[in-house]
Amino acid sequence: MRVLITTVLLLLGIAAFAAPAQAQAGCTVYNGACLEKHSNLAWLVYNGKTSYGPVQVSHGRPGYETPVGTFSVLRKVKNDWSVPYNGPMPNAVYFTGDGIAFHQGDVAVQSHGCIHLAPEASQVFYDNLMVGEQVQVLP
């Protein structure tokens, strides 16, 4: 019985702490990442709380807009290369089937749909986002 009570209290505590971290930007991810396109900010979420960030990002330019919605991390590639755009994609974390990913890139330059992160931030996202976790892209 003591274990059951402790478990219930822990679950209630987790739920109580999860809402404030995500309510700030409308992100509903429990484990994964959130991106707010209008503010050019992204952050990591672990157990319902912001665990890293927010950090400055850039995203898709007109005609190559980053899609809005909730996606799953599909794969990670430490040192990838974009064949269509002939460029490096260090620390790539893919979350759409058509090649949209978080990766290291110039945050002052809009992309062909990917999310550019500064070098340190791209390493943190690569190390902490796991395949199957959620990525929520907000307008």
N, C-alpha and C. Protein backbone atom coordinates (compact mmCIF):
# COMPACT_ATOMS: atom_id res chain seq x y z
N MET A 1 0.83 -1.20 0.00
CA MET A 1 0.00 0.00 0.00
C MET A 1 0.87 1.26 0.00
N ARG A 2 1.97 1.23 0.74
CA ARG A 2 2.86 2.38 0.80
C ARG A 2 3.45 2.67 -0.59
N VAL A 3 3.77 1.61 -1.33
CA VAL A 3 4.31 1.78 -2.67
C VAL A 3 3.26 2.41 -3.59
N LEU A 4 2.02 1.97 -3.49
CA LEU A 4 0.95 2.52 -4.31
C LEU A 4 0.75 4.00 -4.02
N ILE A 5 0.73 4.38 -2.77
CA ILE A 5 0.55 5.79 -2.39
C ILE A 5 1.72 6.62 -2.90
N THR A 6 2.93 6.12 -2.73
CA THR A 6 4.11 6.84 -3.20
C THR A 6 4.05 7.01 -4.71
N THR A 7 3.65 5.97 -5.42
CA THR A 7 3.55 6.04 -6.87
C THR A 7 2.52 7.08 -7.30
N VAL A 8 1.36 7.07 -6.67
CA VAL A 8 0.32 8.04 -6.99
C VAL A 8 0.80 9.46 -6.72
N LEU A 9 1.46 9.67 -5.60
CA LEU A 9 1.96 11.00 -5.27
C LEU A 9 3.01 11.45 -6.27
N LEU A 10 3.89 10.55 -6.69
CA LEU A 10 4.89 10.90 -7.69
C LEU A 10 4.24 11.27 -9.02
N LEU A 11 3.26 10.48 -9.43
CA LEU A 11 2.57 10.78 -10.69
C LEU A 11 1.85 12.12 -10.62
N LEU A 12 1.23 12.40 -9.51
CA LEU A 12 0.56 13.69 -9.35
C LEU A 12 1.57 14.82 -9.36
N GLY A 13 2.70 14.60 -8.72
CA GLY A 13 3.76 15.62 -8.71
C GLY A 13 4.31 15.88 -10.09
N ILE A 14 4.51 14.84 -10.87
CA ILE A 14 5.01 14.99 -12.23
C ILE A 14 4.00 15.76 -13.06
N ALA A 15 2.73 15.43 -12.95
CA ALA A 15 1.69 16.12 -13.71
C ALA A 15 1.62 17.59 -13.31
N ALA A 16 1.78 17.87 -12.03
CA ALA A 16 1.71 19.24 -11.56
C ALA A 16 2.86 20.08 -12.10
N PHE A 17 4.05 19.48 -12.24
CA PHE A 17 5.19 20.22 -12.74
C PHE A 17 5.24 20.28 -14.26
N ALA A 18 4.57 19.36 -14.94
CA ALA A 18 4.66 19.30 -16.40
C ALA A 18 3.95 20.48 -17.06
N ALA A 19 2.82 20.87 -16.56
CA ALA A 19 2.02 21.88 -17.24
C ALA A 19 2.70 23.24 -17.36
N PRO A 20 3.31 23.80 -16.30
CA PRO A 20 3.86 25.14 -16.44
C PRO A 20 4.96 25.25 -17.48
N ALA A 21 5.84 24.24 -17.59
CA ALA A 21 6.96 24.31 -18.52
C ALA A 21 6.46 24.35 -19.95
N GLN A 22 5.37 23.66 -20.25
CA GLN A 22 4.90 23.58 -21.62
C GLN A 22 3.83 24.63 -21.92
N ALA A 23 3.13 25.09 -20.92
CA ALA A 23 2.06 26.05 -21.16
C ALA A 23 2.61 27.37 -21.68
N GLN A 24 3.87 27.67 -21.40
CA GLN A 24 4.46 28.94 -21.81
C GLN A 24 4.40 29.13 -23.32
N ALA A 25 4.56 28.04 -24.08
CA ALA A 25 4.59 28.18 -25.53
C ALA A 25 3.54 27.32 -26.21
N GLY A 26 2.70 26.66 -25.45
CA GLY A 26 1.69 25.81 -26.04
C GLY A 26 2.18 24.45 -26.48
N CYS A 27 3.37 24.10 -26.11
CA CYS A 27 3.95 22.81 -26.50
C CYS A 27 3.39 21.71 -25.60
N THR A 28 2.99 20.59 -26.20
CA THR A 28 2.40 19.49 -25.44
C THR A 28 3.30 18.26 -25.37
N VAL A 29 4.54 18.38 -25.81
CA VAL A 29 5.48 17.26 -25.78
C VAL A 29 5.87 16.95 -24.34
N TYR A 30 5.93 15.66 -24.03
CA TYR A 30 6.37 15.24 -22.69
C TYR A 30 7.87 14.90 -22.70
N ASN A 31 8.33 14.24 -23.75
CA ASN A 31 9.76 13.96 -23.95
C ASN A 31 10.08 14.23 -25.41
N GLY A 32 10.97 15.18 -25.65
CA GLY A 32 11.34 15.49 -27.02
C GLY A 32 11.77 16.94 -27.16
N ALA A 33 11.27 17.59 -28.23
CA ALA A 33 11.67 18.96 -28.51
C ALA A 33 10.48 19.77 -29.00
N CYS A 34 10.56 21.08 -28.76
CA CYS A 34 9.55 22.01 -29.23
C CYS A 34 10.25 23.12 -30.01
N LEU A 35 9.57 23.59 -31.04
CA LEU A 35 10.07 24.68 -31.87
C LEU A 35 8.94 25.67 -32.08
N GLU A 36 9.22 26.93 -31.86
CA GLU A 36 8.27 28.01 -32.08
C GLU A 36 8.79 28.82 -33.26
N LYS A 37 8.17 28.67 -34.43
CA LYS A 37 8.67 29.33 -35.63
C LYS A 37 8.62 30.86 -35.52
N HIS A 38 7.56 31.40 -34.96
CA HIS A 38 7.43 32.86 -34.94
C HIS A 38 8.48 33.54 -34.07
N SER A 39 9.03 32.82 -33.10
CA SER A 39 10.06 33.40 -32.24
C SER A 39 11.46 32.89 -32.57
N ASN A 40 11.56 31.92 -33.49
CA ASN A 40 12.85 31.30 -33.82
C ASN A 40 13.54 30.73 -32.60
N LEU A 41 12.76 30.03 -31.76
CA LEU A 41 13.30 29.41 -30.56
C LEU A 41 12.92 27.94 -30.52
N ALA A 42 13.84 27.13 -29.99
CA ALA A 42 13.58 25.70 -29.79
C ALA A 42 14.14 25.30 -28.43
N TRP A 43 13.58 24.24 -27.85
CA TRP A 43 14.04 23.75 -26.56
C TRP A 43 13.75 22.27 -26.45
N LEU A 44 14.43 21.63 -25.52
CA LEU A 44 14.22 20.22 -25.23
C LEU A 44 13.32 20.08 -24.02
N VAL A 45 12.53 19.02 -24.01
CA VAL A 45 11.62 18.73 -22.91
C VAL A 45 11.89 17.31 -22.43
N TYR A 46 12.03 17.16 -21.13
CA TYR A 46 12.22 15.84 -20.52
C TYR A 46 11.27 15.72 -19.34
N ASN A 47 10.46 14.68 -19.34
CA ASN A 47 9.46 14.47 -18.28
C ASN A 47 8.59 15.70 -18.07
N GLY A 48 8.21 16.34 -19.16
CA GLY A 48 7.28 17.45 -19.09
C GLY A 48 7.88 18.78 -18.71
N LYS A 49 9.19 18.86 -18.54
CA LYS A 49 9.83 20.11 -18.15
C LYS A 49 10.88 20.49 -19.18
N THR A 50 11.06 21.79 -19.36
CA THR A 50 12.13 22.25 -20.24
C THR A 50 13.45 21.82 -19.64
N SER A 51 14.23 21.05 -20.42
CA SER A 51 15.51 20.55 -19.91
C SER A 51 16.71 21.27 -20.53
N TYR A 52 16.49 21.96 -21.64
CA TYR A 52 17.56 22.70 -22.30
C TYR A 52 16.93 23.78 -23.17
N GLY A 53 17.50 24.97 -23.13
CA GLY A 53 17.00 26.06 -23.95
C GLY A 53 16.02 26.93 -23.21
N PRO A 54 15.35 27.80 -23.94
CA PRO A 54 15.29 27.87 -25.40
C PRO A 54 16.57 28.41 -26.02
N VAL A 55 16.82 27.98 -27.27
CA VAL A 55 17.97 28.43 -28.04
C VAL A 55 17.48 29.02 -29.36
N GLN A 56 18.28 29.92 -29.90
CA GLN A 56 17.96 30.55 -31.18
C GLN A 56 18.12 29.53 -32.31
N VAL A 57 17.20 29.58 -33.27
CA VAL A 57 17.24 28.69 -34.44
C VAL A 57 16.84 29.49 -35.68
N SER A 58 17.04 28.89 -36.83
CA SER A 58 16.39 29.38 -38.05
C SER A 58 15.70 28.18 -38.67
N HIS A 59 14.73 28.45 -39.53
CA HIS A 59 13.94 27.36 -40.14
C HIS A 59 13.71 27.68 -41.61
N GLY A 60 12.80 26.99 -42.24
CA GLY A 60 12.61 27.07 -43.68
C GLY A 60 12.22 28.44 -44.21
N ARG A 61 12.87 28.81 -45.29
CA ARG A 61 12.59 30.07 -45.97
C ARG A 61 11.30 29.94 -46.79
N PRO A 62 10.75 31.07 -47.25
CA PRO A 62 9.55 31.01 -48.08
C PRO A 62 9.75 30.05 -49.27
N GLY A 63 8.76 29.21 -49.46
CA GLY A 63 8.84 28.20 -50.50
C GLY A 63 9.40 26.87 -50.00
N TYR A 64 10.04 26.91 -48.84
CA TYR A 64 10.62 25.71 -48.21
C TYR A 64 10.25 25.67 -46.72
N GLU A 65 9.02 26.04 -46.40
CA GLU A 65 8.61 26.20 -45.01
C GLU A 65 8.73 24.90 -44.22
N THR A 66 9.19 25.03 -43.00
CA THR A 66 9.20 23.91 -42.06
C THR A 66 7.76 23.58 -41.70
N PRO A 67 7.35 22.32 -41.82
CA PRO A 67 5.94 21.99 -41.53
C PRO A 67 5.60 22.14 -40.05
N VAL A 68 4.37 22.57 -39.79
CA VAL A 68 3.85 22.69 -38.44
C VAL A 68 3.15 21.37 -38.08
N GLY A 69 3.31 20.95 -36.84
CA GLY A 69 2.65 19.73 -36.37
C GLY A 69 3.50 18.99 -35.37
N THR A 70 3.08 17.78 -35.05
CA THR A 70 3.80 16.94 -34.11
C THR A 70 4.32 15.72 -34.86
N PHE A 71 5.60 15.46 -34.71
CA PHE A 71 6.30 14.42 -35.44
C PHE A 71 7.09 13.55 -34.46
N SER A 72 7.60 12.43 -34.94
CA SER A 72 8.48 11.57 -34.14
C SER A 72 9.88 11.63 -34.70
N VAL A 73 10.86 11.58 -33.82
CA VAL A 73 12.26 11.47 -34.26
C VAL A 73 12.39 10.13 -34.98
N LEU A 74 12.85 10.16 -36.22
CA LEU A 74 12.95 8.96 -37.05
C LEU A 74 14.34 8.35 -37.04
N ARG A 75 15.37 9.21 -37.09
CA ARG A 75 16.74 8.71 -37.10
C ARG A 75 17.69 9.85 -36.79
N LYS A 76 18.93 9.47 -36.47
CA LYS A 76 19.97 10.44 -36.16
C LYS A 76 21.22 10.05 -36.95
N VAL A 77 21.89 11.06 -37.51
CA VAL A 77 23.12 10.82 -38.26
C VAL A 77 24.14 11.88 -37.82
N LYS A 78 25.25 11.43 -37.26
CA LYS A 78 26.24 12.33 -36.68
C LYS A 78 26.81 13.31 -37.72
N ASN A 79 27.22 12.81 -38.86
CA ASN A 79 27.81 13.66 -39.90
C ASN A 79 27.16 13.34 -41.24
N ASP A 80 26.01 13.94 -41.49
CA ASP A 80 25.30 13.65 -42.73
C ASP A 80 25.63 14.71 -43.78
N TRP A 81 25.21 14.41 -45.01
CA TRP A 81 25.42 15.33 -46.13
C TRP A 81 24.11 15.44 -46.90
N SER A 82 23.67 16.66 -47.16
CA SER A 82 22.46 16.88 -47.94
C SER A 82 22.80 16.74 -49.42
N VAL A 83 22.28 15.71 -50.03
CA VAL A 83 22.51 15.52 -51.46
C VAL A 83 21.77 16.58 -52.28
N PRO A 84 20.47 16.85 -52.00
CA PRO A 84 19.78 17.84 -52.83
C PRO A 84 20.39 19.25 -52.74
N TYR A 85 20.92 19.61 -51.58
CA TYR A 85 21.42 20.97 -51.38
C TYR A 85 22.93 21.03 -51.24
N ASN A 86 23.59 19.88 -51.41
CA ASN A 86 25.05 19.79 -51.46
C ASN A 86 25.72 20.51 -50.29
N GLY A 87 25.35 20.09 -49.07
CA GLY A 87 25.93 20.73 -47.90
C GLY A 87 25.96 19.81 -46.70
N PRO A 88 26.84 20.12 -45.75
CA PRO A 88 26.97 19.29 -44.54
C PRO A 88 25.77 19.47 -43.61
N MET A 89 25.47 18.40 -42.88
CA MET A 89 24.40 18.42 -41.87
C MET A 89 24.91 17.73 -40.60
N PRO A 90 25.83 18.39 -39.88
CA PRO A 90 26.33 17.77 -38.65
C PRO A 90 25.22 17.65 -37.61
N ASN A 91 25.27 16.59 -36.83
CA ASN A 91 24.34 16.36 -35.71
C ASN A 91 22.88 16.36 -36.18
N ALA A 92 22.60 15.68 -37.28
CA ALA A 92 21.25 15.67 -37.85
C ALA A 92 20.31 14.76 -37.06
N VAL A 93 19.17 15.31 -36.69
CA VAL A 93 18.10 14.57 -36.02
C VAL A 93 16.85 14.74 -36.89
N TYR A 94 16.53 13.69 -37.67
CA TYR A 94 15.43 13.74 -38.63
C TYR A 94 14.09 13.48 -37.95
N PHE A 95 13.09 14.28 -38.33
CA PHE A 95 11.76 14.07 -37.75
C PHE A 95 10.63 14.08 -38.79
N THR A 96 10.96 14.13 -40.07
CA THR A 96 9.95 13.91 -41.11
C THR A 96 10.51 12.94 -42.13
N GLY A 97 9.63 12.29 -42.85
CA GLY A 97 10.04 11.33 -43.86
C GLY A 97 10.66 11.97 -45.10
N ASP A 98 10.48 13.28 -45.27
CA ASP A 98 11.05 13.94 -46.44
C ASP A 98 12.29 14.77 -46.11
N GLY A 99 12.97 14.43 -45.01
CA GLY A 99 14.30 14.96 -44.75
C GLY A 99 14.43 16.18 -43.87
N ILE A 100 13.38 16.61 -43.21
CA ILE A 100 13.48 17.75 -42.30
C ILE A 100 14.14 17.29 -41.01
N ALA A 101 15.14 18.06 -40.55
CA ALA A 101 15.92 17.68 -39.38
C ALA A 101 16.39 18.90 -38.61
N PHE A 102 16.68 18.70 -37.33
CA PHE A 102 17.50 19.65 -36.58
C PHE A 102 18.93 19.33 -37.00
N HIS A 103 19.76 20.34 -37.23
CA HIS A 103 21.19 20.10 -37.45
C HIS A 103 21.96 21.39 -37.30
N GLN A 104 23.27 21.25 -37.19
CA GLN A 104 24.13 22.43 -37.07
C GLN A 104 24.06 23.24 -38.35
N GLY A 105 23.91 24.54 -38.18
CA GLY A 105 23.86 25.44 -39.33
C GLY A 105 23.83 26.88 -38.86
N ASP A 106 23.92 27.78 -39.78
CA ASP A 106 23.94 29.21 -39.48
C ASP A 106 22.53 29.66 -39.08
N VAL A 107 22.37 30.08 -37.83
CA VAL A 107 21.04 30.48 -37.35
C VAL A 107 20.59 31.83 -37.94
N ALA A 108 21.47 32.50 -38.64
CA ALA A 108 21.11 33.77 -39.29
C ALA A 108 20.62 33.55 -40.72
N VAL A 109 20.66 32.30 -41.20
CA VAL A 109 20.27 31.99 -42.57
C VAL A 109 19.13 31.00 -42.56
N GLN A 110 18.04 31.34 -43.26
CA GLN A 110 16.92 30.41 -43.36
C GLN A 110 17.31 29.23 -44.24
N SER A 111 16.69 28.08 -43.98
CA SER A 111 17.06 26.82 -44.61
C SER A 111 16.08 26.42 -45.72
N HIS A 112 16.27 25.20 -46.20
CA HIS A 112 15.33 24.58 -47.14
C HIS A 112 14.30 23.75 -46.38
N GLY A 113 14.06 24.08 -45.12
CA GLY A 113 13.06 23.39 -44.30
C GLY A 113 13.60 22.86 -43.00
N CYS A 114 14.90 22.61 -42.93
CA CYS A 114 15.50 22.09 -41.70
C CYS A 114 15.59 23.18 -40.63
N ILE A 115 15.91 22.74 -39.43
CA ILE A 115 16.09 23.65 -38.30
C ILE A 115 17.58 23.81 -38.05
N HIS A 116 18.12 25.00 -38.27
CA HIS A 116 19.52 25.28 -38.00
C HIS A 116 19.71 25.61 -36.52
N LEU A 117 20.73 24.98 -35.94
CA LEU A 117 21.12 25.22 -34.55
C LEU A 117 22.60 25.61 -34.51
N ALA A 118 22.98 26.42 -33.53
CA ALA A 118 24.39 26.72 -33.30
C ALA A 118 25.13 25.43 -32.96
N PRO A 119 26.45 25.39 -33.13
CA PRO A 119 27.21 24.15 -32.90
C PRO A 119 26.94 23.48 -31.55
N GLU A 120 27.03 24.23 -30.46
CA GLU A 120 26.82 23.64 -29.13
C GLU A 120 25.39 23.11 -28.99
N ALA A 121 24.41 23.90 -29.41
CA ALA A 121 23.02 23.48 -29.30
C ALA A 121 22.75 22.25 -30.16
N SER A 122 23.33 22.18 -31.35
CA SER A 122 23.11 21.01 -32.20
C SER A 122 23.65 19.75 -31.55
N GLN A 123 24.76 19.87 -30.84
CA GLN A 123 25.33 18.71 -30.13
C GLN A 123 24.41 18.27 -29.00
N VAL A 124 23.86 19.22 -28.26
CA VAL A 124 22.95 18.89 -27.16
C VAL A 124 21.68 18.24 -27.69
N PHE A 125 21.11 18.79 -28.76
CA PHE A 125 19.91 18.19 -29.35
C PHE A 125 20.23 16.78 -29.85
N TYR A 126 21.36 16.61 -30.52
CA TYR A 126 21.75 15.29 -31.05
C TYR A 126 21.92 14.28 -29.91
N ASP A 127 22.57 14.69 -28.84
CA ASP A 127 22.83 13.78 -27.72
C ASP A 127 21.58 13.43 -26.92
N ASN A 128 20.61 14.33 -26.89
CA ASN A 128 19.47 14.15 -25.98
C ASN A 128 18.16 13.77 -26.63
N LEU A 129 17.99 14.01 -27.92
CA LEU A 129 16.77 13.56 -28.60
C LEU A 129 16.95 12.10 -29.01
N MET A 130 15.99 11.27 -28.65
CA MET A 130 16.06 9.84 -28.95
C MET A 130 15.02 9.47 -30.01
N VAL A 131 15.36 8.47 -30.81
CA VAL A 131 14.44 7.97 -31.82
C VAL A 131 13.12 7.60 -31.14
N GLY A 132 12.02 8.06 -31.72
CA GLY A 132 10.70 7.81 -31.16
C GLY A 132 10.14 8.94 -30.33
N GLU A 133 11.01 9.83 -29.83
CA GLU A 133 10.51 10.97 -29.06
C GLU A 133 9.84 11.96 -30.00
N GLN A 134 9.05 12.85 -29.43
CA GLN A 134 8.24 13.78 -30.23
C GLN A 134 8.96 15.10 -30.48
N VAL A 135 8.65 15.69 -31.63
CA VAL A 135 9.06 17.04 -31.99
C VAL A 135 7.78 17.78 -32.35
N GLN A 136 7.53 18.86 -31.67
CA GLN A 136 6.34 19.67 -31.98
C GLN A 136 6.80 21.00 -32.57
N VAL A 137 6.33 21.29 -33.77
CA VAL A 137 6.63 22.55 -34.44
C VAL A 137 5.38 23.41 -34.38
N LEU A 138 5.51 24.52 -33.71
CA LEU A 138 4.40 25.47 -33.54
C LEU A 138 4.58 26.63 -34.52
N PRO A 139 3.49 27.25 -34.94
CA PRO A 139 3.60 28.37 -35.88
C PRO A 139 4.43 29.53 -35.34
